């Protein structure tokens, strides 16, 4: 028998999936419109649109949200911002046509550090299991792609994740290329659960559409095994995530911009 809580989570997941489908359709229309404008004006449109927010973690459309998700406590009482001011600097506008050449040593260990305004988040990367993903992050971090970017989405109902990696800060950005899905049979993904402490790729809900956006799981979340899990967050990093989650999100519907000012001052990938 399905409990009320299980039904609530199911409805939340279904809502997110509907949102992603609507956003994918909207983005396709936007791309088509931009192509027409470019051909008329003779302007080359650079970059790609909206490939990287996840299937359940895709876009930020809030229509019908109140019908499916119970408002969180953060809606009625916004907690103080627990994070510091961002470091000085500007987001780089970067784009590439092709996935970077494989340059990492797949037999070596790599770690990633996200130095954020809320504290450092250290991540042990799964190099052998997700080489394309780790290689892409090594490339992007070295280019300063993530530096000064906001983590634009916090989900506090149904699933429990912080989403980052979009220089536009709107859930529509990416590096111009996509990478293949990897490690979808990771032994950590048991019973349809992405466990707390997982970092995984966001995508459009279609295969091999990951780019630069990723999500950090701060509490066990029920999701289909469609999002490349490519690392494990340290205990100290989890404390930072939980601090961000405790501050809540902006809509009160369980899915919106984090109330905390979460900015990645610097991202680094290191071979050990």
Protein backbone atom coordinates (compact mmCIF):
# COMPACT_ATOMS: atom_id res chain seq x y z
CA UNK A 1 0.00 0.00 0.00
CA UNK A 2 1.35 3.42 -0.99
CA UNK A 3 1.75 5.75 1.97
CA UNK A 4 0.84 9.42 1.86
CA UNK A 5 4.53 10.37 1.96
CA UNK A 6 5.37 8.01 -0.92
CA UNK A 7 2.49 9.45 -2.94
CA UNK A 8 3.71 12.98 -2.19
CA UNK A 9 7.19 12.11 -3.45
CA UNK A 10 5.76 10.47 -6.55
CA UNK A 11 3.72 13.58 -7.34
CA UNK A 12 6.77 15.77 -6.84
CA UNK A 13 8.85 13.66 -9.21
CA UNK A 14 6.07 13.69 -11.80
CA UNK A 15 5.87 17.47 -11.51
CA UNK A 16 9.58 17.85 -12.12
CA UNK A 17 9.39 15.58 -15.16
CA UNK A 18 6.54 17.64 -16.62
CA UNK A 19 8.53 20.81 -16.02
CA UNK A 20 11.53 19.41 -17.82
CA UNK A 21 9.43 18.35 -20.81
CA UNK A 22 7.88 21.82 -21.06
CA UNK A 23 11.27 23.48 -20.82
CA UNK A 24 12.85 21.22 -23.39
CA UNK A 25 10.06 22.08 -25.83
CA UNK A 26 10.42 25.79 -25.07
CA UNK A 27 14.14 25.66 -25.62
CA UNK A 28 13.73 23.93 -28.96
CA UNK A 29 11.40 26.72 -30.07
CA UNK A 30 13.90 29.31 -28.81
CA UNK A 31 16.72 27.68 -30.75
CA UNK A 32 14.64 27.62 -33.91
CA UNK A 33 13.70 31.28 -33.46
CA UNK A 34 17.31 32.27 -32.86
CA UNK A 35 18.39 30.43 -36.00
CA UNK A 36 15.91 32.42 -38.07
CA UNK A 37 17.03 35.70 -36.53
CA UNK A 38 20.66 34.83 -37.12
CA UNK A 39 20.10 34.00 -40.78
CA UNK A 40 18.22 37.26 -41.38
CA UNK A 41 20.72 39.46 -39.61
CA UNK A 42 23.80 37.55 -40.69
CA UNK A 43 24.80 37.03 -37.07
CA UNK A 44 26.45 33.84 -35.88
CA UNK A 45 24.80 32.67 -32.67
CA UNK A 46 27.42 31.21 -30.41
CA UNK A 47 26.75 28.65 -27.68
CA UNK A 48 24.06 26.14 -26.91
CA UNK A 49 20.87 26.43 -24.95
CA UNK A 50 19.48 24.45 -22.06
CA UNK A 51 20.96 21.01 -22.35
CA UNK A 52 22.10 20.52 -18.87
CA UNK A 53 19.47 20.83 -16.17
CA UNK A 54 18.34 17.33 -15.29
CA UNK A 55 15.30 15.35 -16.35
CA UNK A 56 13.95 15.63 -12.86
CA UNK A 57 16.41 18.45 -12.42
CA UNK A 58 15.94 20.34 -15.65
CA UNK A 59 14.28 23.69 -15.67
CA UNK A 60 12.93 26.12 -13.20
CA UNK A 61 9.32 26.52 -14.38
CA UNK A 62 7.13 26.87 -11.33
CA UNK A 63 3.71 26.47 -12.99
CA UNK A 64 1.37 24.17 -11.08
CA UNK A 65 4.01 23.74 -8.40
CA UNK A 66 1.64 24.41 -5.53
CA UNK A 67 -0.69 21.67 -6.70
CA UNK A 68 2.00 19.00 -6.46
CA UNK A 69 4.36 20.04 -3.69
CA UNK A 70 3.67 21.20 -0.18
CA UNK A 71 5.35 24.57 0.46
CA UNK A 72 8.48 24.34 2.56
CA UNK A 73 8.99 26.14 5.84
CA UNK A 74 11.45 28.46 4.12
CA UNK A 75 8.56 30.10 2.25
CA UNK A 76 7.08 31.60 5.36
CA UNK A 77 10.27 32.42 7.20
CA UNK A 78 13.39 33.14 5.19
CA UNK A 79 16.51 32.17 7.09
CA UNK A 80 19.53 34.49 7.24
CA UNK A 81 22.05 34.07 4.45
CA UNK A 82 24.75 31.78 5.92
CA UNK A 83 27.30 32.52 3.21
CA UNK A 84 29.96 35.15 2.59
CA UNK A 85 30.14 37.68 -0.22
CA UNK A 86 31.52 36.36 -3.52
CA UNK A 87 35.15 36.93 -4.37
CA UNK A 88 35.94 39.67 -6.87
CA UNK A 89 35.93 38.56 -10.47
CA UNK A 90 33.75 37.99 -13.51
CA UNK A 91 32.30 34.91 -15.16
CA UNK A 92 34.11 33.95 -18.34
CA UNK A 93 32.03 33.51 -21.48
CA UNK A 94 33.45 30.33 -22.96
CA UNK A 95 32.18 27.79 -25.47
CA UNK A 96 33.60 24.90 -27.46
CA UNK A 97 32.24 22.91 -30.38
CA UNK A 98 33.63 19.51 -29.39
CA UNK A 99 34.20 17.52 -26.23
CA UNK A 100 37.81 18.03 -25.08
CA UNK A 101 40.43 15.47 -25.99
CA UNK A 102 41.03 12.86 -23.30
CA UNK A 103 44.05 14.03 -21.32
CA UNK A 104 43.53 12.60 -17.84
CA UNK A 105 45.21 9.46 -16.56
CA UNK A 106 42.28 7.10 -16.06
CA UNK A 107 44.33 4.95 -13.69
CA UNK A 108 45.05 7.87 -11.36
CA UNK A 109 42.95 9.44 -8.61
CA UNK A 110 41.49 12.91 -9.07
CA UNK A 111 39.75 15.23 -6.65
CA UNK A 112 37.74 18.39 -7.24
CA UNK A 113 37.45 21.32 -4.87
CA UNK A 114 34.62 23.81 -5.13
CA UNK A 115 35.70 26.82 -3.12
CA UNK A 116 32.31 28.43 -2.53
CA UNK A 117 31.05 31.42 -0.62
CA UNK A 118 29.52 28.96 1.84
CA UNK A 119 32.65 26.87 2.37
CA UNK A 120 34.81 24.36 0.52
CA UNK A 121 33.20 21.28 -1.00
CA UNK A 122 35.77 18.56 -1.65
CA UNK A 123 34.87 15.70 -3.98
CA UNK A 124 36.62 12.40 -4.75
CA UNK A 125 36.08 11.81 -8.48
CA UNK A 126 35.30 8.42 -10.02
CA UNK A 127 37.89 8.64 -12.77
CA UNK A 128 37.87 5.05 -13.99
CA UNK A 129 34.07 4.72 -13.94
CA UNK A 130 33.33 8.12 -15.55
CA UNK A 131 36.42 9.14 -17.55
CA UNK A 132 34.64 11.42 -20.05
CA UNK A 133 32.94 13.30 -17.24
CA UNK A 134 36.06 13.69 -15.11
CA UNK A 135 38.11 14.70 -18.15
CA UNK A 136 35.52 17.35 -19.04
CA UNK A 137 35.54 18.78 -15.51
CA UNK A 138 39.34 18.79 -15.46
CA UNK A 139 39.29 20.74 -18.75
CA UNK A 140 36.57 23.21 -17.72
CA UNK A 141 38.01 23.87 -14.27
CA UNK A 142 41.45 24.57 -15.79
CA UNK A 143 39.83 27.13 -18.11
CA UNK A 144 38.14 28.89 -15.17
CA UNK A 145 34.72 28.02 -16.57
CA UNK A 146 33.06 27.51 -13.17
CA UNK A 147 34.72 30.42 -11.39
CA UNK A 148 32.31 33.07 -10.04
CA UNK A 149 29.22 31.09 -11.14
CA UNK A 150 26.12 30.73 -8.98
CA UNK A 151 24.55 27.48 -7.90
CA UNK A 152 21.15 28.36 -9.31
CA UNK A 153 18.77 25.71 -8.00
CA UNK A 154 17.95 24.09 -4.67
CA UNK A 155 15.33 21.35 -4.43
CA UNK A 156 13.95 20.62 -0.97
CA UNK A 157 10.92 18.42 -1.66
CA UNK A 158 10.70 15.06 -3.44
CA UNK A 159 14.42 15.17 -4.21
CA UNK A 160 17.14 16.95 -2.29
CA UNK A 161 19.83 18.51 -4.44
CA UNK A 162 21.80 21.67 -5.12
CA UNK A 163 22.37 22.31 -8.83
CA UNK A 164 25.37 24.22 -10.16
CA UNK A 165 27.60 24.57 -13.21
CA UNK A 166 25.63 27.04 -15.35
CA UNK A 167 27.45 30.32 -16.09
CA UNK A 168 24.13 31.95 -17.03
CA UNK A 169 22.73 31.22 -13.57
CA UNK A 170 19.36 30.46 -15.15
CA UNK A 171 19.53 26.74 -15.89
CA UNK A 172 20.02 27.23 -19.63
CA UNK A 173 23.80 27.31 -20.05
CA UNK A 174 26.48 24.87 -21.07
CA UNK A 175 29.95 24.58 -22.63
CA UNK A 176 28.73 24.10 -26.21
CA UNK A 177 29.40 20.37 -26.26
CA UNK A 178 27.86 17.33 -24.62
CA UNK A 179 29.39 14.19 -23.09
CA UNK A 180 28.15 10.60 -22.90
CA UNK A 181 26.32 9.18 -19.91
CA UNK A 182 28.56 7.00 -17.76
CA UNK A 183 28.54 4.81 -14.65
CA UNK A 184 24.75 4.39 -14.59
CA UNK A 185 25.14 0.96 -12.97
CA UNK A 186 27.20 2.29 -10.08
CA UNK A 187 26.72 0.05 -7.05
CA UNK A 188 25.88 3.11 -4.94
CA UNK A 189 22.61 3.58 -6.86
CA UNK A 190 20.48 1.03 -5.05
CA UNK A 191 16.70 0.85 -5.07
CA UNK A 192 16.30 3.90 -7.29
CA UNK A 193 18.14 6.10 -4.80
CA UNK A 194 20.93 8.58 -5.40
CA UNK A 195 22.44 8.58 -1.91
CA UNK A 196 23.44 11.66 0.02
CA UNK A 197 27.00 12.62 -0.84
CA UNK A 198 26.66 11.90 -4.57
CA UNK A 199 27.63 14.37 -7.28
CA UNK A 200 26.00 13.62 -10.64
CA UNK A 201 25.52 15.18 -14.06
CA UNK A 202 22.37 17.05 -14.99
CA UNK A 203 20.86 16.49 -18.43
CA UNK A 204 17.73 17.13 -20.50
CA UNK A 205 16.20 13.74 -19.79
CA UNK A 206 17.63 12.42 -23.05
CA UNK A 207 20.72 10.22 -23.38
CA UNK A 208 24.15 11.81 -23.68
CA UNK A 209 23.05 15.42 -23.13
CA UNK A 210 25.24 16.25 -20.13
CA UNK A 211 27.36 19.38 -20.42
CA UNK A 212 28.59 21.42 -17.45
CA UNK A 213 25.64 21.42 -15.05
CA UNK A 214 25.74 19.03 -12.12
CA UNK A 215 23.90 18.41 -8.88
CA UNK A 216 25.04 17.67 -5.34
CA UNK A 217 22.81 15.35 -3.32
CA UNK A 218 22.51 16.37 0.33
CA UNK A 219 19.85 13.80 1.27
CA UNK A 220 18.92 10.44 -0.26
CA UNK A 221 16.85 11.17 -3.39
CA UNK A 222 14.66 8.89 -5.50
CA UNK A 223 15.68 9.32 -9.13
CA UNK A 224 15.94 7.11 -12.21
CA UNK A 225 19.49 5.93 -12.92
CA UNK A 226 19.87 8.39 -15.82
CA UNK A 227 22.34 10.88 -14.37
CA UNK A 228 26.05 10.07 -14.40
CA UNK A 229 27.31 9.71 -10.80
CA UNK A 230 30.94 10.81 -10.98
CA UNK A 231 32.08 11.54 -7.45
CA UNK A 232 31.57 11.40 -3.70
CA UNK A 233 31.36 14.50 -1.51
CA UNK A 234 33.51 14.69 1.63
CA UNK A 235 32.04 14.86 5.15
CA UNK A 236 33.10 18.51 5.45
CA UNK A 237 31.51 19.23 2.08
CA UNK A 238 28.26 17.69 3.27
CA UNK A 239 28.22 20.08 6.21
CA UNK A 240 28.42 22.96 3.74
CA UNK A 241 25.59 21.49 1.65
CA UNK A 242 23.39 20.99 4.68
CA UNK A 243 23.98 24.61 5.72
CA UNK A 244 22.85 25.74 2.27
CA UNK A 245 19.80 23.48 2.37
CA UNK A 246 18.83 24.69 5.83
CA UNK A 247 18.52 28.24 4.47
CA UNK A 248 15.81 27.02 2.07
CA UNK A 249 14.84 28.06 -1.43
CA UNK A 250 13.15 31.16 -2.78
CA UNK A 251 9.72 29.94 -3.91
CA UNK A 252 8.50 27.95 -0.94
CA UNK A 253 7.31 25.26 -3.37
CA UNK A 254 10.37 23.08 -2.81
CA UNK A 255 12.22 24.03 -5.99
CA UNK A 256 13.86 27.39 -6.65
CA UNK A 257 16.95 29.51 -6.23
CA UNK A 258 18.72 28.91 -2.91
CA UNK A 259 18.21 31.61 -0.30
CA UNK A 260 21.90 31.26 0.50
CA UNK A 261 24.25 33.13 -1.82
CA UNK A 262 26.02 30.09 -3.25
CA UNK A 263 28.79 31.14 -5.64
CA UNK A 264 31.71 28.98 -6.75
CA UNK A 265 34.63 31.34 -6.30
CA UNK A 266 37.06 28.80 -7.72
CA UNK A 267 36.86 25.21 -8.98
CA UNK A 268 40.00 23.09 -9.20
CA UNK A 269 40.63 19.48 -10.24
CA UNK A 270 43.80 17.87 -8.90
CA UNK A 271 45.55 14.62 -9.74
CA UNK A 272 46.82 12.76 -6.69
